[in-house]
Amino acid sequence: MLLCNGTEIMPGDLPESLRHSPGSLTDIVTAPHRTLAEIEKGAILQTLNRTNWNKLQAAAILGVHRPTLYNKMKKYGIREVRTMS
């Protein structure tokens, strides 16, 4: 249960552990009417991009084992595109 003084819950009304936790709710933005598969694919792509396609690190962030990440990448057709520099 959460109590607040006004009609809106403000960040100051939340427990300290939620106000300063890493990975706030604003990190995840999804468009309405997206399927769970589309959201999962987007989360995987976003995490891979953030980790510069380090699959071990991405899997750890996503909370899955690396082989599971590879299986999901295959399922969603996610492939790293290497550019020539």
Foldseek 3Di string as FASTA:
>chain_A
DFDDDDPDDDLVSDDPCLSPPPPHPVVQDDDPPDDPLVSVVVLLVVLCVVVVNPQCNSCVVVVHHSVVSVVSCVVVVNDDDDDDD
